Protein backbone atom coordinates (compact mmCIF):
# COMPACT_ATOMS: atom_id res chain seq x y z
CA UNK A 1 -10.25 -56.70 -64.58
CA UNK A 2 -11.88 -60.00 -64.29
CA UNK A 3 -13.57 -61.94 -66.57
CA UNK A 4 -16.00 -64.93 -66.03
CA UNK A 5 -14.82 -67.79 -68.41
CA UNK A 6 -18.56 -69.18 -68.49
CA UNK A 7 -20.61 -66.46 -69.47
CA UNK A 8 -18.17 -63.72 -70.44
CA UNK A 9 -19.08 -60.81 -67.82
CA UNK A 10 -16.46 -58.54 -67.12
CA UNK A 11 -16.34 -56.87 -63.79
CA UNK A 12 -13.35 -54.76 -61.74
CA UNK A 13 -11.15 -56.39 -59.75
CA UNK A 14 -12.58 -57.05 -56.45
CA UNK A 15 -16.32 -56.74 -57.28
CA UNK A 16 -16.81 -60.29 -57.79
CA UNK A 17 -19.38 -61.51 -55.39
CA UNK A 18 -18.06 -63.80 -52.54
CA UNK A 19 -19.84 -67.10 -51.30
CA UNK A 20 -18.60 -68.77 -47.97
CA UNK A 21 -18.01 -72.56 -48.15
CA UNK A 22 -17.83 -75.05 -45.56
CA UNK A 23 -14.13 -76.43 -45.35
CA UNK A 24 -14.36 -78.63 -42.37
CA UNK A 25 -13.72 -78.94 -38.86
CA UNK A 26 -10.39 -77.64 -37.36
CA UNK A 27 -10.97 -79.11 -33.89
CA UNK A 28 -14.60 -78.14 -32.76
CA UNK A 29 -14.75 -75.14 -34.78
CA UNK A 30 -15.98 -74.70 -38.24
CA UNK A 31 -13.53 -73.81 -41.04
CA UNK A 32 -14.64 -71.93 -43.98
CA UNK A 33 -13.31 -70.29 -47.41
CA UNK A 34 -14.41 -67.52 -49.31
CA UNK A 35 -14.79 -68.28 -53.11
CA UNK A 36 -15.13 -65.69 -55.85
CA UNK A 37 -18.08 -65.93 -58.24
CA UNK A 38 -19.46 -64.29 -61.07
CA UNK A 39 -22.11 -61.71 -60.46
CA UNK A 40 -24.53 -62.69 -63.47
CA UNK A 41 -24.37 -66.57 -63.48
CA UNK A 42 -23.21 -67.32 -59.96
CA UNK A 43 -20.25 -69.97 -61.07
CA UNK A 44 -16.76 -70.00 -59.83
CA UNK A 45 -15.26 -69.04 -63.03
CA UNK A 46 -13.90 -65.85 -62.47
CA UNK A 47 -10.30 -65.06 -63.84
CA UNK A 48 -8.14 -62.48 -64.78
CA UNK A 49 -8.82 -60.93 -67.90
CA UNK A 50 -7.21 -59.22 -70.82
CA UNK A 51 -8.02 -57.01 -73.72
CA UNK A 52 -7.66 -58.68 -77.38
CA UNK A 53 -5.80 -56.13 -79.32
CA UNK A 54 -7.53 -56.69 -82.35
CA UNK A 55 -11.60 -56.75 -81.40
CA UNK A 56 -10.97 -55.07 -77.55
CA UNK A 57 -13.00 -57.81 -76.40
CA UNK A 58 -12.34 -58.71 -72.84
CA UNK A 59 -11.63 -62.73 -72.31
CA UNK A 60 -9.89 -64.75 -69.87
CA UNK A 61 -6.19 -64.05 -69.87
CA UNK A 62 -5.49 -67.42 -70.48
CA UNK A 63 -7.21 -67.58 -73.61
CA UNK A 64 -4.91 -64.80 -75.60
CA UNK A 65 -2.06 -65.91 -77.51
CA UNK A 66 0.00 -62.77 -79.41
CA UNK A 67 -2.38 -60.57 -78.03
CA UNK A 68 -5.27 -61.77 -80.01
CA UNK A 69 -8.47 -63.92 -78.69
CA UNK A 70 -9.43 -67.06 -80.05
CA UNK A 71 -11.92 -65.82 -82.57
CA UNK A 72 -9.15 -62.85 -83.89
CA UNK A 73 -6.53 -65.52 -84.17
CA UNK A 74 -8.98 -67.83 -86.42
CA UNK A 75 -9.60 -64.96 -88.59
CA UNK A 76 -6.14 -63.74 -89.05
CA UNK A 77 -5.44 -66.79 -90.08
CA UNK A 78 -8.49 -67.56 -92.29
CA UNK A 79 -7.44 -64.28 -93.72
CA UNK A 80 -3.86 -64.93 -94.59
CA UNK A 81 -4.70 -68.28 -95.90
CA UNK A 82 -7.17 -66.18 -98.15
CA UNK A 83 -4.56 -63.99 -99.19
CA UNK A 84 -1.96 -66.39 -99.92
CA UNK A 85 -4.41 -68.63 -102.20
CA UNK A 86 -5.60 -64.97 -104.22
CA UNK A 87 -2.36 -63.45 -104.34
CA UNK A 88 -0.19 -66.11 -105.16
CA UNK A 89 0.52 -69.05 -106.98
CA UNK A 90 1.24 -72.46 -105.65
CA UNK A 91 4.97 -72.19 -106.83
CA UNK A 92 5.70 -68.92 -105.14
CA UNK A 93 3.36 -70.02 -101.91
CA UNK A 94 5.95 -73.15 -101.77
CA UNK A 95 8.76 -70.41 -102.21
CA UNK A 96 7.73 -68.32 -99.44
CA UNK A 97 7.14 -71.39 -97.13
CA UNK A 98 10.45 -72.39 -97.71
CA UNK A 99 11.43 -68.45 -96.56
CA UNK A 100 9.67 -68.52 -93.67
CA UNK A 101 10.76 -72.09 -92.46
CA UNK A 102 14.44 -71.11 -93.14
CA UNK A 103 13.84 -67.69 -91.14
CA UNK A 104 14.89 -65.78 -94.08
CA UNK A 105 11.48 -64.03 -94.58
CA UNK A 106 9.73 -62.38 -91.64
CA UNK A 107 6.25 -61.32 -91.52
CA UNK A 108 6.45 -59.27 -88.32
């Protein structure tokens, strides 16, 4: 699947609109190249897409880290911070941070 990084439109591979652009002259003949553009916004921001494993949204592949889109990464970080602050005392959080830093504790 392809995703427009400008407007978020999702499209099948090969279904992006093509625009033929003049590249210059080669000898006496004009040279052209085709650019894929979004059929919705007509921008040349079409890129490979990936599905976020949490929300199921298609987003540009380069925006996915750890299987999550940017919004879901932020939400996971906020939820983890909330869990840590509500469930553990400052001393316990410090101890847990030391365990994480030393790789003696894994949350995966």
